[in-house]
């Protein structure tokens, strides 16, 4: 079924659907995905693959215990596994705990397009502190879909220093990251804020600089959960 020109995309997820035909209509007609493949046919699909740019999502029809066993009757281990998966799907809240992220060129345009086609996001486009502007929508089975666009942040989300030359999605300044670009520990950032900013630039004594640094960092998104 998969030829070299139609291989799965690098980022592909597979989801169980209670109604693959309904999923196809929602993703293609309301979200802007392209239907790539469908088995055995679009009228009564058991499996489908849809894509948005280089991002792909596949759907498999939820089947009865008997269907699961019948599909893999030559392989008892497979039959047992998929039967168990079907049981868990039917017993649980469909889509609970599953979030899929899809990058788009313009998240506001994506939200507007989806709304115009009758699929209004449950959360409107919002710029997050982690360098993404995103919007959230849920599909017919309750899966959470997050469409996002990386954006340039104006300040470091660790120390509030201006990010003049930030790239889209960049959260922190050079002083708050290590040689690999990862955020330094709170203790390292705290010490740098105390000595580099409050003591060196604000001319504060050590005790007052520590108090000021602690208060300052407590207001930054990166350290909001720091005790």
N, C-alpha and C. Protein backbone atom coordinates (compact mmCIF):
# COMPACT_ATOMS: atom_id res chain seq x y z
N UNK A 1 0.82 -1.20 0.00
CA UNK A 1 0.00 0.00 0.00
C UNK A 1 0.86 1.26 0.00
N UNK A 2 2.07 1.19 0.62
CA UNK A 2 2.95 2.36 0.67
C UNK A 2 4.03 2.22 -0.40
N UNK A 3 4.04 3.13 -1.33
CA UNK A 3 5.12 3.13 -2.31
C UNK A 3 6.15 4.18 -1.92
N UNK A 4 7.36 4.18 -2.51
CA UNK A 4 8.42 5.11 -2.12
C UNK A 4 8.00 6.57 -2.16
N UNK A 5 7.11 6.95 -3.07
CA UNK A 5 6.70 8.34 -3.17
C UNK A 5 5.61 8.69 -2.16
N UNK A 6 5.12 7.70 -1.47
CA UNK A 6 3.99 7.94 -0.58
C UNK A 6 4.23 7.34 0.80
N UNK A 7 5.48 7.36 1.23
CA UNK A 7 5.83 6.81 2.53
C UNK A 7 5.30 7.71 3.64
N UNK A 8 5.09 7.16 4.85
CA UNK A 8 4.63 7.98 5.97
C UNK A 8 5.57 9.15 6.23
N UNK A 9 5.05 10.25 6.67
CA UNK A 9 5.85 11.43 6.95
C UNK A 9 6.69 11.20 8.20
N UNK A 10 7.78 11.98 8.40
CA UNK A 10 8.65 11.80 9.57
C UNK A 10 7.90 11.85 10.89
N UNK A 11 6.98 12.83 11.04
CA UNK A 11 6.21 12.95 12.26
C UNK A 11 4.82 12.38 12.03
N UNK A 12 4.61 11.16 12.48
CA UNK A 12 3.34 10.49 12.25
C UNK A 12 2.81 9.89 13.55
N UNK A 13 1.53 10.09 13.82
CA UNK A 13 0.91 9.48 15.00
C UNK A 13 -0.26 8.64 14.53
N UNK A 14 -0.56 7.60 15.28
CA UNK A 14 -1.69 6.74 14.96
C UNK A 14 -2.70 6.79 16.08
N UNK A 15 -3.97 7.02 15.75
CA UNK A 15 -5.02 7.14 16.75
C UNK A 15 -6.16 6.17 16.46
N UNK A 16 -6.80 5.70 17.50
CA UNK A 16 -7.99 4.89 17.34
C UNK A 16 -9.18 5.83 17.19
N UNK A 17 -10.03 5.55 16.24
CA UNK A 17 -11.20 6.39 15.99
C UNK A 17 -12.48 5.58 16.14
N UNK A 18 -13.48 6.18 16.72
CA UNK A 18 -14.76 5.50 16.85
C UNK A 18 -15.51 5.52 15.52
N UNK A 19 -15.10 6.42 14.61
CA UNK A 19 -15.73 6.53 13.29
C UNK A 19 -14.72 7.17 12.34
N UNK A 20 -13.96 6.36 11.62
CA UNK A 20 -12.91 6.88 10.74
C UNK A 20 -13.48 7.82 9.68
N UNK A 21 -14.64 7.50 9.16
CA UNK A 21 -15.24 8.36 8.13
C UNK A 21 -15.50 9.75 8.70
N UNK A 22 -15.97 9.81 9.93
CA UNK A 22 -16.23 11.09 10.59
C UNK A 22 -14.92 11.83 10.86
N UNK A 23 -13.88 11.08 11.23
CA UNK A 23 -12.57 11.70 11.47
C UNK A 23 -12.01 12.31 10.19
N UNK A 24 -12.15 11.59 9.08
CA UNK A 24 -11.67 12.10 7.79
C UNK A 24 -12.36 13.42 7.46
N UNK A 25 -13.67 13.45 7.61
CA UNK A 25 -14.43 14.66 7.30
C UNK A 25 -14.00 15.83 8.16
N UNK A 26 -13.76 15.57 9.45
CA UNK A 26 -13.37 16.64 10.36
C UNK A 26 -11.98 17.18 10.02
N UNK A 27 -11.00 16.31 9.89
CA UNK A 27 -9.62 16.75 9.64
C UNK A 27 -9.46 17.35 8.25
N UNK A 28 -10.10 16.78 7.27
CA UNK A 28 -9.95 17.27 5.89
C UNK A 28 -10.80 18.51 5.64
N UNK A 29 -12.06 18.44 5.97
CA UNK A 29 -12.98 19.51 5.59
C UNK A 29 -12.99 20.70 6.54
N UNK A 30 -12.60 20.48 7.80
CA UNK A 30 -12.64 21.59 8.77
C UNK A 30 -11.27 22.08 9.23
N UNK A 31 -10.29 21.18 9.23
CA UNK A 31 -8.96 21.58 9.71
C UNK A 31 -7.96 21.82 8.59
N UNK A 32 -8.26 21.40 7.38
CA UNK A 32 -7.37 21.66 6.26
C UNK A 32 -6.34 20.59 5.96
N UNK A 33 -6.52 19.39 6.53
CA UNK A 33 -5.61 18.28 6.23
C UNK A 33 -5.93 17.72 4.83
N UNK A 34 -4.96 16.99 4.28
CA UNK A 34 -5.14 16.32 2.99
C UNK A 34 -5.23 14.82 3.21
N UNK A 35 -6.24 14.18 2.65
CA UNK A 35 -6.36 12.72 2.76
C UNK A 35 -5.35 12.10 1.81
N UNK A 36 -4.41 11.32 2.37
CA UNK A 36 -3.35 10.71 1.57
C UNK A 36 -3.71 9.29 1.15
N UNK A 37 -4.18 8.51 2.11
CA UNK A 37 -4.52 7.11 1.84
C UNK A 37 -5.74 6.70 2.66
N UNK A 38 -6.45 5.71 2.14
CA UNK A 38 -7.65 5.23 2.81
C UNK A 38 -7.84 3.75 2.48
N UNK A 39 -8.14 2.94 3.51
CA UNK A 39 -8.32 1.51 3.28
C UNK A 39 -9.60 1.03 3.95
N UNK A 40 -10.41 0.21 3.31
CA UNK A 40 -10.27 -0.23 1.91
C UNK A 40 -10.76 0.82 0.92
N UNK A 41 -11.65 1.72 1.39
CA UNK A 41 -12.12 2.79 0.53
C UNK A 41 -12.68 3.91 1.40
N UNK A 42 -12.93 5.06 0.77
CA UNK A 42 -13.39 6.22 1.52
C UNK A 42 -14.84 6.09 2.00
N UNK A 43 -15.60 5.24 1.35
CA UNK A 43 -16.99 5.08 1.73
C UNK A 43 -17.13 4.32 3.04
N UNK A 44 -16.31 3.26 3.22
CA UNK A 44 -16.33 2.49 4.45
C UNK A 44 -14.90 2.28 4.94
N UNK A 45 -14.25 3.35 5.38
CA UNK A 45 -12.84 3.26 5.76
C UNK A 45 -12.60 2.56 7.10
N UNK A 46 -11.57 1.75 7.13
CA UNK A 46 -11.13 1.13 8.37
C UNK A 46 -9.82 1.76 8.84
N UNK A 47 -9.17 2.42 7.91
CA UNK A 47 -7.88 3.07 8.21
C UNK A 47 -7.70 4.24 7.25
N UNK A 48 -7.08 5.31 7.73
CA UNK A 48 -6.85 6.47 6.87
C UNK A 48 -5.62 7.23 7.33
N UNK A 49 -4.98 7.89 6.40
CA UNK A 49 -3.80 8.71 6.68
C UNK A 49 -4.04 10.10 6.10
N UNK A 50 -3.90 11.12 6.94
CA UNK A 50 -4.07 12.50 6.50
C UNK A 50 -2.83 13.30 6.87
N UNK A 51 -2.58 14.39 6.11
CA UNK A 51 -1.36 15.16 6.34
C UNK A 51 -1.62 16.66 6.31
N UNK A 52 -0.82 17.36 7.08
CA UNK A 52 -0.80 18.82 7.09
C UNK A 52 0.66 19.21 6.93
N UNK A 53 1.03 19.67 5.74
CA UNK A 53 2.44 19.91 5.40
C UNK A 53 3.20 18.59 5.58
N UNK A 54 4.22 18.56 6.43
CA UNK A 54 5.00 17.34 6.63
C UNK A 54 4.62 16.62 7.92
N UNK A 55 3.41 16.86 8.40
CA UNK A 55 2.94 16.25 9.63
C UNK A 55 1.75 15.35 9.30
N UNK A 56 1.78 14.16 9.83
CA UNK A 56 0.77 13.17 9.44
C UNK A 56 0.09 12.54 10.65
N UNK A 57 -1.18 12.21 10.46
CA UNK A 57 -1.93 11.52 11.50
C UNK A 57 -2.70 10.39 10.83
N UNK A 58 -2.67 9.21 11.45
CA UNK A 58 -3.38 8.05 10.92
C UNK A 58 -4.49 7.64 11.88
N UNK A 59 -5.57 7.11 11.31
CA UNK A 59 -6.70 6.66 12.12
C UNK A 59 -7.02 5.21 11.83
N UNK A 60 -7.26 4.45 12.89
CA UNK A 60 -7.68 3.07 12.76
C UNK A 60 -9.03 2.92 13.41
N UNK A 61 -9.93 2.22 12.75
CA UNK A 61 -11.28 2.07 13.26
C UNK A 61 -11.31 1.18 14.50
N UNK A 62 -12.01 1.64 15.53
CA UNK A 62 -12.21 0.82 16.72
C UNK A 62 -13.07 -0.37 16.32
N UNK A 63 -12.64 -1.57 16.71
CA UNK A 63 -13.35 -2.78 16.31
C UNK A 63 -13.83 -3.57 17.51
N UNK A 64 -14.74 -4.47 17.28
CA UNK A 64 -15.24 -5.34 18.35
C UNK A 64 -14.17 -6.36 18.69
N UNK A 65 -14.34 -7.05 19.82
CA UNK A 65 -13.39 -8.09 20.19
C UNK A 65 -13.28 -9.15 19.11
N UNK A 66 -14.41 -9.51 18.54
CA UNK A 66 -14.41 -10.54 17.50
C UNK A 66 -13.67 -10.08 16.26
N UNK A 67 -13.87 -8.82 15.87
CA UNK A 67 -13.16 -8.28 14.70
C UNK A 67 -11.66 -8.25 14.94
N UNK A 68 -11.26 -7.88 16.16
CA UNK A 68 -9.83 -7.83 16.49
C UNK A 68 -9.21 -9.22 16.34
N UNK A 69 -9.90 -10.21 16.84
CA UNK A 69 -9.39 -11.57 16.76
C UNK A 69 -9.37 -12.06 15.31
N UNK A 70 -10.41 -11.69 14.57
CA UNK A 70 -10.49 -12.12 13.18
C UNK A 70 -9.39 -11.51 12.32
N UNK A 71 -9.05 -10.24 12.58
CA UNK A 71 -8.03 -9.56 11.78
C UNK A 71 -6.65 -10.17 12.00
N UNK A 72 -6.44 -10.78 13.16
CA UNK A 72 -5.11 -11.32 13.46
C UNK A 72 -5.22 -12.78 13.91
N UNK A 73 -6.12 -13.53 13.30
CA UNK A 73 -6.34 -14.90 13.74
C UNK A 73 -5.14 -15.81 13.52
N UNK A 74 -4.26 -15.43 12.58
CA UNK A 74 -3.07 -16.24 12.34
C UNK A 74 -1.95 -15.92 13.31
N UNK A 75 -2.16 -14.90 14.14
CA UNK A 75 -1.13 -14.48 15.10
C UNK A 75 -1.81 -14.22 16.44
N UNK A 76 -1.89 -15.23 17.30
CA UNK A 76 -2.58 -15.11 18.59
C UNK A 76 -2.07 -13.96 19.46
N UNK A 77 -0.76 -13.72 19.44
CA UNK A 77 -0.19 -12.64 20.26
C UNK A 77 -0.73 -11.29 19.81
N UNK A 78 -0.78 -11.08 18.48
CA UNK A 78 -1.31 -9.83 17.94
C UNK A 78 -2.79 -9.69 18.27
N UNK A 79 -3.52 -10.77 18.12
CA UNK A 79 -4.95 -10.75 18.40
C UNK A 79 -5.21 -10.36 19.85
N UNK A 80 -4.45 -10.94 20.77
CA UNK A 80 -4.61 -10.65 22.19
C UNK A 80 -4.29 -9.19 22.49
N UNK A 81 -3.21 -8.70 21.87
CA UNK A 81 -2.79 -7.32 22.13
C UNK A 81 -3.86 -6.32 21.67
N UNK A 82 -4.33 -6.47 20.43
CA UNK A 82 -5.30 -5.52 19.89
C UNK A 82 -6.66 -5.66 20.56
N UNK A 83 -6.98 -6.84 21.02
CA UNK A 83 -8.22 -7.02 21.77
C UNK A 83 -8.15 -6.24 23.08
N UNK A 84 -7.00 -6.30 23.73
CA UNK A 84 -6.81 -5.57 24.98
C UNK A 84 -6.89 -4.06 24.73
N UNK A 85 -6.25 -3.60 23.64
CA UNK A 85 -6.28 -2.18 23.31
C UNK A 85 -7.70 -1.70 23.05
N UNK A 86 -8.47 -2.52 22.35
CA UNK A 86 -9.87 -2.17 22.08
C UNK A 86 -10.65 -2.04 23.39
N UNK A 87 -10.42 -2.97 24.30
CA UNK A 87 -11.12 -2.94 25.58
C UNK A 87 -10.80 -1.68 26.37
N UNK A 88 -9.53 -1.28 26.37
CA UNK A 88 -9.12 -0.08 27.09
C UNK A 88 -9.73 1.16 26.46
N UNK A 89 -9.79 1.17 25.12
CA UNK A 89 -10.37 2.31 24.42
C UNK A 89 -11.85 2.46 24.76
N UNK A 90 -12.56 1.35 24.79
CA UNK A 90 -14.00 1.39 25.05
C UNK A 90 -14.32 1.73 26.50
N UNK A 91 -13.43 1.37 27.42
CA UNK A 91 -13.68 1.62 28.83
C UNK A 91 -13.29 3.03 29.27
N UNK A 92 -12.36 3.63 28.56
CA UNK A 92 -11.86 4.93 28.97
C UNK A 92 -12.57 6.08 28.27
N UNK A 93 -12.15 7.30 28.63
CA UNK A 93 -12.66 8.50 27.98
C UNK A 93 -11.82 8.73 26.74
N UNK A 94 -12.43 8.63 25.58
CA UNK A 94 -11.69 8.74 24.33
C UNK A 94 -10.91 10.05 24.26
N UNK A 95 -9.64 9.94 23.91
CA UNK A 95 -8.82 11.12 23.73
C UNK A 95 -8.23 11.71 24.99
N UNK A 96 -8.65 11.26 26.16
CA UNK A 96 -8.18 11.84 27.41
C UNK A 96 -6.67 11.68 27.55
N UNK A 97 -5.99 12.76 27.84
CA UNK A 97 -4.55 12.73 28.07
C UNK A 97 -3.70 12.73 26.82
N UNK A 98 -4.32 12.84 25.63
CA UNK A 98 -3.56 12.82 24.39
C UNK A 98 -3.64 14.20 23.73
N UNK A 99 -2.47 14.82 23.51
CA UNK A 99 -2.39 16.11 22.84
C UNK A 99 -1.45 16.00 21.66
N UNK A 100 -1.89 16.45 20.50
CA UNK A 100 -1.07 16.42 19.30
C UNK A 100 -0.75 17.84 18.87
N UNK A 101 0.51 18.10 18.54
CA UNK A 101 0.95 19.44 18.15
C UNK A 101 1.25 19.48 16.65
N UNK A 102 0.69 20.48 15.97
CA UNK A 102 0.91 20.67 14.54
C UNK A 102 1.39 22.11 14.30
N UNK A 103 2.56 22.24 13.71
CA UNK A 103 3.09 23.57 13.42
C UNK A 103 2.50 24.11 12.13
N UNK A 104 2.09 25.36 12.14
CA UNK A 104 1.51 26.02 10.97
C UNK A 104 2.20 27.37 10.77
N UNK A 105 2.21 27.90 9.55
CA UNK A 105 2.88 29.19 9.28
C UNK A 105 2.27 30.37 10.05
N UNK A 106 0.95 30.36 10.22
CA UNK A 106 0.26 31.47 10.87
C UNK A 106 -0.91 30.89 11.68
N UNK A 107 -0.74 30.80 12.98
CA UNK A 107 -1.76 30.16 13.81
C UNK A 107 -3.06 30.95 13.84
N UNK A 108 -2.98 32.27 13.73
CA UNK A 108 -4.19 33.08 13.73
C UNK A 108 -5.01 32.81 12.46
N UNK A 109 -4.30 32.68 11.34
CA UNK A 109 -4.98 32.38 10.08
C UNK A 109 -5.59 30.98 10.14
N UNK A 110 -4.86 30.04 10.77
CA UNK A 110 -5.37 28.68 10.91
C UNK A 110 -6.64 28.66 11.75
N UNK A 111 -6.64 29.40 12.86
CA UNK A 111 -7.81 29.46 13.73
C UNK A 111 -9.00 30.07 12.99
N UNK A 112 -8.74 31.11 12.23
CA UNK A 112 -9.79 31.76 11.47
C UNK A 112 -10.37 30.82 10.41
N UNK A 113 -9.50 30.09 9.75
CA UNK A 113 -9.92 29.15 8.71
C UNK A 113 -10.78 28.03 9.32
N UNK A 114 -10.33 27.49 10.45
CA UNK A 114 -11.08 26.40 11.08
C UNK A 114 -12.46 26.89 11.54
N UNK A 115 -12.48 28.10 12.11
CA UNK A 115 -13.74 28.66 12.58
C UNK A 115 -14.73 28.86 11.43
N UNK A 116 -14.21 29.34 10.30
CA UNK A 116 -15.08 29.59 9.15
C UNK A 116 -15.67 28.30 8.60
N UNK A 117 -15.02 27.18 8.89
CA UNK A 117 -15.50 25.88 8.41
C UNK A 117 -16.29 25.12 9.48
N UNK A 118 -16.59 25.82 10.57
CA UNK A 118 -17.43 25.22 11.59
C UNK A 118 -16.72 24.47 12.70
N UNK A 119 -15.40 24.66 12.83
CA UNK A 119 -14.63 23.99 13.88
C UNK A 119 -13.98 25.04 14.76
N UNK A 120 -14.76 25.65 15.63
CA UNK A 120 -14.26 26.74 16.47
C UNK A 120 -13.34 26.21 17.57
N UNK A 121 -12.13 26.79 17.70
CA UNK A 121 -11.19 26.36 18.74
C UNK A 121 -11.78 26.55 20.13
N UNK A 122 -11.43 25.66 21.05
CA UNK A 122 -11.88 25.80 22.42
C UNK A 122 -11.03 26.80 23.18
N UNK A 123 -9.79 27.02 22.70
CA UNK A 123 -8.91 28.04 23.26
C UNK A 123 -8.40 28.88 22.10
N UNK A 124 -8.60 30.20 22.11
CA UNK A 124 -8.20 31.06 21.00
C UNK A 124 -6.69 31.21 20.92
N UNK A 125 -6.17 31.73 19.81
CA UNK A 125 -4.73 31.94 19.67
C UNK A 125 -4.17 32.75 20.84
N UNK A 126 -3.15 32.20 21.47
CA UNK A 126 -2.54 32.84 22.65
C UNK A 126 -1.03 32.69 22.58
N UNK A 127 -0.32 33.77 22.85
CA UNK A 127 1.14 33.71 22.88
C UNK A 127 1.59 33.19 24.24
N UNK A 128 2.32 32.07 24.24
CA UNK A 128 2.76 31.44 25.47
C UNK A 128 4.20 31.86 25.82
N UNK A 129 4.54 31.74 27.09
CA UNK A 129 5.87 32.15 27.52
C UNK A 129 6.98 31.28 26.94
N UNK A 130 6.63 30.07 26.47
CA UNK A 130 7.63 29.17 25.94
C UNK A 130 7.89 29.37 24.44
N UNK A 131 7.54 30.53 23.92
CA UNK A 131 7.92 30.87 22.56
C UNK A 131 6.99 30.39 21.46
N UNK A 132 5.79 29.99 21.83
CA UNK A 132 4.82 29.54 20.83
C UNK A 132 3.53 30.35 20.96
N UNK A 133 2.91 30.58 19.83
CA UNK A 133 1.55 31.12 19.83
C UNK A 133 0.67 29.98 19.36
N UNK A 134 -0.29 29.58 20.18
CA UNK A 134 -1.05 28.38 19.85
C UNK A 134 -2.55 28.55 20.02
N UNK A 135 -3.27 27.63 19.43
CA UNK A 135 -4.71 27.56 19.58
C UNK A 135 -5.08 26.10 19.72
N UNK A 136 -6.12 25.82 20.49
CA UNK A 136 -6.49 24.44 20.82
C UNK A 136 -7.89 24.09 20.34
N UNK A 137 -8.02 22.90 19.79
CA UNK A 137 -9.30 22.40 19.33
C UNK A 137 -9.38 20.91 19.65
N UNK A 138 -10.56 20.37 19.80
CA UNK A 138 -10.71 18.94 20.06
C UNK A 138 -11.42 18.28 18.88
N UNK A 139 -11.03 17.02 18.59
CA UNK A 139 -11.63 16.33 17.46
C UNK A 139 -12.83 15.50 17.92
N UNK A 140 -13.52 14.83 17.00
CA UNK A 140 -14.73 14.08 17.37
C UNK A 140 -14.55 13.02 18.45
N UNK A 141 -13.32 12.50 18.61
CA UNK A 141 -13.06 11.49 19.64
C UNK A 141 -12.49 12.09 20.91
N UNK A 142 -12.38 13.40 20.96
CA UNK A 142 -11.87 14.04 22.18
C UNK A 142 -10.38 14.22 22.23
N UNK A 143 -9.65 13.92 21.15
CA UNK A 143 -8.21 14.17 21.12
C UNK A 143 -7.97 15.68 21.07
N UNK A 144 -6.99 16.13 21.82
CA UNK A 144 -6.66 17.55 21.87
C UNK A 144 -5.65 17.88 20.78
N UNK A 145 -5.98 18.84 19.94
CA UNK A 145 -5.10 19.25 18.84
C UNK A 145 -4.62 20.67 19.11
N UNK A 146 -3.31 20.84 19.11
CA UNK A 146 -2.72 22.16 19.35
C UNK A 146 -2.01 22.62 18.08
N UNK A 147 -2.51 23.66 17.46
CA UNK A 147 -1.87 24.23 16.29
C UNK A 147 -1.02 25.41 16.78
N UNK A 148 0.22 25.48 16.32
CA UNK A 148 1.10 26.51 16.87
C UNK A 148 2.04 27.10 15.82
N UNK A 149 2.53 28.29 16.14
CA UNK A 149 3.53 28.98 15.33
C UNK A 149 4.60 29.53 16.28
N UNK A 150 5.88 29.21 16.07
CA UNK A 150 6.92 29.79 16.91
C UNK A 150 6.95 31.31 16.73
N UNK A 151 7.11 32.04 17.83
CA UNK A 151 7.13 33.50 17.77
C UNK A 151 8.37 34.04 18.48
N UNK A 152 8.73 35.27 18.16
CA UNK A 152 9.86 35.92 18.81
C UNK A 152 9.40 36.53 20.13
N UNK A 153 10.11 36.20 21.19
CA UNK A 153 9.80 36.75 22.50
C UNK A 153 10.58 38.04 22.69
N UNK A 154 10.00 39.01 23.36
CA UNK A 154 10.66 40.30 23.55
C UNK A 154 11.63 40.30 24.72
N UNK A 155 11.39 39.43 25.70
CA UNK A 155 12.26 39.36 26.87
C UNK A 155 12.57 37.92 27.25
N UNK A 156 13.67 37.72 27.95
CA UNK A 156 14.06 36.41 28.45
C UNK A 156 13.03 35.96 29.48
N UNK A 157 12.54 34.74 29.36
CA UNK A 157 11.53 34.23 30.27
C UNK A 157 12.11 33.72 31.58
N UNK A 158 13.42 33.92 31.74
CA UNK A 158 14.10 33.54 32.97
C UNK A 158 14.49 34.75 33.80
N UNK A 159 15.03 35.80 33.12
CA UNK A 159 15.52 36.97 33.87
C UNK A 159 14.92 38.29 33.41
N UNK A 160 14.12 38.26 32.33
CA UNK A 160 13.46 39.46 31.78
C UNK A 160 14.39 40.38 31.00
N UNK A 161 15.57 39.90 30.68
CA UNK A 161 16.47 40.71 29.87
C UNK A 161 15.92 40.80 28.44
N UNK A 162 16.01 41.98 27.79
CA UNK A 162 15.51 42.12 26.41
C UNK A 162 16.17 41.13 25.46
N UNK A 163 15.39 40.54 24.56
CA UNK A 163 15.90 39.61 23.55
C UNK A 163 15.84 40.32 22.20
N UNK A 164 16.86 41.09 21.91
CA UNK A 164 16.86 41.90 20.69
C UNK A 164 17.02 41.06 19.42
N UNK A 165 17.84 40.04 19.46
CA UNK A 165 18.10 39.22 18.27
C UNK A 165 17.56 37.80 18.43
N UNK A 166 16.46 37.65 19.13
CA UNK A 166 15.91 36.32 19.38
C UNK A 166 15.36 35.70 18.10
N UNK A 167 15.47 34.39 18.02
CA UNK A 167 14.87 33.65 16.91
C UNK A 167 13.50 33.16 17.36
N UNK A 168 12.59 32.88 16.43
CA UNK A 168 11.26 32.40 16.82
C UNK A 168 11.36 31.16 17.70
N UNK A 169 10.67 31.18 18.82
CA UNK A 169 10.69 30.05 19.73
C UNK A 169 11.74 30.15 20.82
N UNK A 170 12.67 31.10 20.71
CA UNK A 170 13.72 31.26 21.72
C UNK A 170 13.13 31.84 22.99
N UNK A 171 13.42 31.21 24.13
CA UNK A 171 12.84 31.64 25.39
C UNK A 171 13.81 32.40 26.28
N UNK A 172 15.12 32.06 26.20
CA UNK A 172 16.07 32.59 27.16
C UNK A 172 17.25 33.32 26.53
N UNK A 173 17.85 34.20 27.31
CA UNK A 173 19.01 34.96 26.84
C UNK A 173 20.29 34.15 27.03
N UNK A 174 21.39 34.66 26.52
CA UNK A 174 22.67 33.95 26.59
C UNK A 174 23.19 33.80 28.02
N UNK A 175 22.78 34.68 28.90
CA UNK A 175 23.25 34.61 30.27
C UNK A 175 22.53 33.54 31.10
N UNK A 176 21.37 33.14 30.64
CA UNK A 176 20.59 32.16 31.39
C UNK A 176 20.70 30.74 30.81
N UNK A 177 21.49 30.59 29.75
CA UNK A 177 21.64 29.28 29.12
C UNK A 177 23.10 28.82 29.13
N UNK A 178 23.29 27.49 29.06
CA UNK A 178 24.64 26.94 29.04
C UNK A 178 25.15 26.84 27.62
N UNK A 179 26.30 26.18 27.43
CA UNK A 179 26.91 26.07 26.10
C UNK A 179 26.06 25.27 25.12
N UNK A 180 25.11 24.47 25.63
CA UNK A 180 24.23 23.69 24.76
C UNK A 180 22.89 24.39 24.51
N UNK A 181 22.76 25.60 25.06
CA UNK A 181 21.54 26.34 24.87
C UNK A 181 20.43 25.98 25.84
N UNK A 182 20.75 25.16 26.86
CA UNK A 182 19.76 24.74 27.84
C UNK A 182 19.71 25.72 29.02
N UNK A 183 18.55 25.87 29.60
CA UNK A 183 18.39 26.77 30.74
C UNK A 183 19.25 26.30 31.92
N UNK A 184 19.97 27.23 32.51
CA UNK A 184 20.81 26.92 33.67
C UNK A 184 19.92 26.66 34.89
N UNK A 185 20.51 26.16 35.94
CA UNK A 185 19.75 25.89 37.16
C UNK A 185 19.35 27.22 37.80
N UNK A 186 18.34 27.14 38.65
CA UNK A 186 17.89 28.34 39.35
C UNK A 186 19.04 28.96 40.14
N UNK A 187 19.83 28.13 40.79
CA UNK A 187 20.94 28.64 41.60
C UNK A 187 21.94 29.43 40.75
N UNK A 188 22.22 28.94 39.54
CA UNK A 188 23.15 29.64 38.66
C UNK A 188 22.58 30.97 38.18
N UNK A 189 21.32 30.95 37.79
CA UNK A 189 20.67 32.18 37.32
C UNK A 189 20.53 33.17 38.47
N UNK A 190 20.19 32.65 39.64
CA UNK A 190 20.05 33.51 40.82
C UNK A 190 21.37 34.21 41.13
N UNK A 191 22.46 33.45 41.14
CA UNK A 191 23.77 34.04 41.44
C UNK A 191 24.16 35.08 40.40
N UNK A 192 23.89 34.79 39.13
CA UNK A 192 24.21 35.74 38.09
C UNK A 192 23.39 37.01 38.20
N UNK A 193 22.14 36.87 38.60
CA UNK A 193 21.27 38.04 38.78
C UNK A 193 21.73 38.88 39.97
N UNK A 194 22.13 38.20 41.02
CA UNK A 194 22.61 38.91 42.22
C UNK A 194 23.88 39.70 41.92
N UNK A 195 24.90 38.99 41.42
CA UNK A 195 26.19 39.64 41.22
C UNK A 195 26.27 40.48 39.94
N UNK A 196 25.69 39.96 38.87
CA UNK A 196 25.82 40.65 37.59
C UNK A 196 24.90 41.83 37.41
N UNK A 197 23.70 41.76 38.00
CA UNK A 197 22.75 42.86 37.81
C UNK A 197 22.60 43.75 39.05
N UNK A 198 22.14 43.17 40.13
CA UNK A 198 21.85 44.00 41.30
C UNK A 198 23.09 44.54 42.01
N UNK A 199 24.16 43.75 42.08
CA UNK A 199 25.36 44.23 42.74
C UNK A 199 26.22 45.08 41.80
N UNK A 200 26.49 44.55 40.58
CA UNK A 200 27.37 45.26 39.66
C UNK A 200 26.72 46.47 39.02
N UNK A 201 25.47 46.33 38.60
CA UNK A 201 24.82 47.42 37.87
C UNK A 201 23.98 48.33 38.76
N UNK A 202 23.32 47.76 39.78
CA UNK A 202 22.48 48.56 40.67
C UNK A 202 23.22 49.00 41.94
N UNK A 203 24.45 48.50 42.09
CA UNK A 203 25.31 48.89 43.21
C UNK A 203 24.70 48.55 44.58
N UNK A 204 24.01 47.43 44.66
CA UNK A 204 23.42 47.01 45.92
C UNK A 204 24.38 46.16 46.72
N UNK A 205 24.30 46.20 48.04
CA UNK A 205 25.10 45.29 48.85
C UNK A 205 24.54 43.88 48.70
N UNK A 206 25.34 42.88 49.05
CA UNK A 206 24.96 41.48 48.81
C UNK A 206 23.60 41.12 49.40
N UNK A 207 23.33 41.48 50.63
CA UNK A 207 22.09 41.06 51.27
C UNK A 207 20.86 41.62 50.56
N UNK A 208 20.93 42.90 50.19
CA UNK A 208 19.80 43.51 49.49
C UNK A 208 19.67 42.98 48.06
N UNK A 209 20.81 42.68 47.45
CA UNK A 209 20.82 42.15 46.08
C UNK A 209 20.17 40.77 46.04
N UNK A 210 20.44 39.94 47.03
CA UNK A 210 19.84 38.62 47.08
C UNK A 210 18.32 38.70 47.25
N UNK A 211 17.87 39.60 48.09
CA UNK A 211 16.44 39.77 48.31
C UNK A 211 15.76 40.26 47.03
N UNK A 212 16.40 41.23 46.37
CA UNK A 212 15.83 41.79 45.15
C UNK A 212 15.81 40.75 44.03
N UNK A 213 16.89 39.96 43.93
CA UNK A 213 16.97 38.93 42.89
C UNK A 213 15.91 37.86 43.09
N UNK A 214 15.70 37.46 44.33
CA UNK A 214 14.68 36.44 44.62
C UNK A 214 13.30 36.93 44.24
N UNK A 215 13.00 38.17 44.57
CA UNK A 215 11.70 38.74 44.23
C UNK A 215 11.54 38.89 42.72
N UNK A 216 12.60 39.33 42.05
CA UNK A 216 12.58 39.53 40.60
C UNK A 216 12.36 38.20 39.87
N UNK A 217 13.09 37.18 40.23
CA UNK A 217 12.98 35.89 39.54
C UNK A 217 11.65 35.21 39.81
N UNK A 218 11.05 35.47 40.95
CA UNK A 218 9.76 34.85 41.27
C UNK A 218 8.66 35.31 40.32
N UNK A 219 8.88 36.42 39.64
CA UNK A 219 7.89 36.97 38.71
C UNK A 219 8.09 36.48 37.28
N UNK A 220 9.18 35.72 37.04
CA UNK A 220 9.48 35.27 35.68
C UNK A 220 8.86 33.88 35.43
N UNK A 221 8.32 33.66 34.23
CA UNK A 221 7.65 32.39 33.90
C UNK A 221 8.49 31.15 34.16
N UNK A 222 9.80 31.22 33.90
CA UNK A 222 10.65 30.04 34.07
C UNK A 222 10.72 29.56 35.52
N UNK A 223 10.51 30.48 36.45
CA UNK A 223 10.67 30.14 37.86
C UNK A 223 9.37 30.26 38.64
N UNK A 224 8.24 30.30 37.96
CA UNK A 224 6.95 30.47 38.62
C UNK A 224 6.65 29.32 39.59
N UNK A 225 7.17 28.12 39.29
CA UNK A 225 6.92 26.96 40.14
C UNK A 225 8.05 26.70 41.12
N UNK A 226 9.04 27.59 41.13
CA UNK A 226 10.18 27.38 42.03
C UNK A 226 9.79 27.74 43.45
N UNK A 227 10.12 26.85 44.39
CA UNK A 227 9.75 27.08 45.77
C UNK A 227 10.57 28.18 46.44
